[in-house]
Protein backbone atom coordinates (compact mmCIF):
# COMPACT_ATOMS: atom_id res chain seq x y z
CA MET A 1 42.96 -63.62 52.15
CA TRP A 2 39.14 -64.64 52.68
CA PRO A 3 38.49 -67.85 51.87
CA HIS A 4 34.48 -67.42 52.10
CA LEU A 5 34.17 -65.49 49.44
CA PRO A 6 34.72 -66.38 45.24
CA PHE A 7 38.16 -66.54 44.41
CA GLY A 8 39.25 -64.34 41.24
CA LYS A 9 35.63 -62.30 41.60
CA VAL A 10 36.14 -58.42 40.92
CA TYR A 11 33.88 -55.87 42.18
CA GLY A 12 32.76 -52.97 40.40
CA GLY A 13 30.72 -50.33 41.20
CA HIS A 14 33.02 -47.92 43.00
CA GLY A 15 33.33 -43.81 41.56
CA ASP A 16 37.09 -43.97 42.89
CA ALA A 17 39.57 -45.56 45.10
CA VAL A 18 38.05 -48.14 47.30
CA TYR A 19 40.10 -46.85 50.86
CA CYS A 20 38.73 -49.72 53.11
CA VAL A 21 36.80 -53.02 52.74
CA ARG A 22 35.19 -55.35 55.43
CA ALA A 23 33.20 -58.74 54.81
CA ASN A 24 31.17 -59.95 56.54
CA GLY A 25 28.18 -62.44 56.64
CA GLY A 26 27.05 -62.45 52.85
CA TYR A 27 28.05 -58.83 52.02
CA LEU A 28 31.08 -56.62 51.89
CA TYR A 29 31.37 -53.09 52.85
CA THR A 30 33.59 -50.41 51.25
CA GLY A 31 34.52 -47.01 52.45
CA CYS A 32 35.56 -45.15 48.95
CA GLU A 33 37.03 -41.47 48.13
CA ASP A 34 33.76 -40.61 45.96
CA GLY A 35 32.35 -40.12 49.43
CA TYR A 36 30.26 -43.46 49.68
CA ALA A 37 29.92 -46.15 52.39
CA ARG A 38 28.71 -49.45 50.17
CA LYS A 39 27.21 -52.40 51.37
CA MET A 40 27.90 -55.29 48.08
CA ASP A 41 26.38 -58.72 47.79
CA VAL A 42 29.69 -61.22 47.67
CA GLU A 43 27.93 -63.48 45.60
CA THR A 44 25.98 -61.54 42.72
CA GLY A 45 28.65 -58.04 43.43
CA GLU A 46 25.39 -55.82 43.52
CA VAL A 47 25.32 -52.60 45.25
CA VAL A 48 22.80 -53.40 47.22
CA TRP A 49 22.31 -50.08 49.67
CA ALA A 50 25.05 -46.91 49.55
CA CYS A 51 25.10 -43.97 52.01
CA GLU A 52 27.01 -40.60 51.22
CA HIS A 53 29.46 -38.88 53.29
CA TRP A 54 30.67 -35.13 53.42
CA GLY A 55 34.76 -37.05 52.56
CA GLY A 56 36.45 -40.06 51.46
CA VAL A 57 35.21 -43.11 53.58
CA GLY A 58 38.48 -44.40 54.79
CA CYS A 59 37.33 -47.10 57.33
CA VAL A 60 33.87 -49.14 58.05
CA HIS A 61 32.48 -51.53 60.34
CA VAL A 62 29.40 -53.06 60.95
CA CYS A 63 27.68 -54.05 64.08
CA GLY A 64 25.16 -55.67 64.52
CA SER A 65 22.63 -53.87 62.07
CA TYR A 66 24.60 -50.77 62.15
CA LEU A 67 27.38 -49.61 59.86
CA TYR A 68 29.92 -47.12 61.84
CA THR A 69 32.07 -45.40 59.60
CA GLY A 70 35.13 -42.55 59.48
CA CYS A 71 35.61 -40.27 56.95
CA ASP A 72 38.09 -37.33 55.51
CA ASP A 73 35.98 -34.29 56.76
CA THR A 74 37.04 -34.93 60.10
CA ASP A 75 33.02 -37.16 60.39
CA ARG A 76 32.04 -40.50 62.07
CA LYS A 77 27.99 -41.51 61.74
CA SER A 78 26.61 -44.69 62.53
CA THR A 79 24.44 -45.60 60.13
CA ARG A 80 21.33 -48.20 60.84
CA LEU A 81 21.21 -50.93 57.55
């Protein structure tokens, strides 16, 4: 599916169901039911950044140095990475 990601690697660090994943550069961006958007290093799987939201994060999009998210609480956020 994503040929540039290490095959068979498991990325943990989520407190609940993962709703969405976006690969961009050397990072994965995830949205999770626990109300967090996370930036994870592709090689190490380490969470290098997390941003709390009021509801589950259903979508993530990266554009330049910003992360855009949509949440269960009908909120949308743009956050500088």
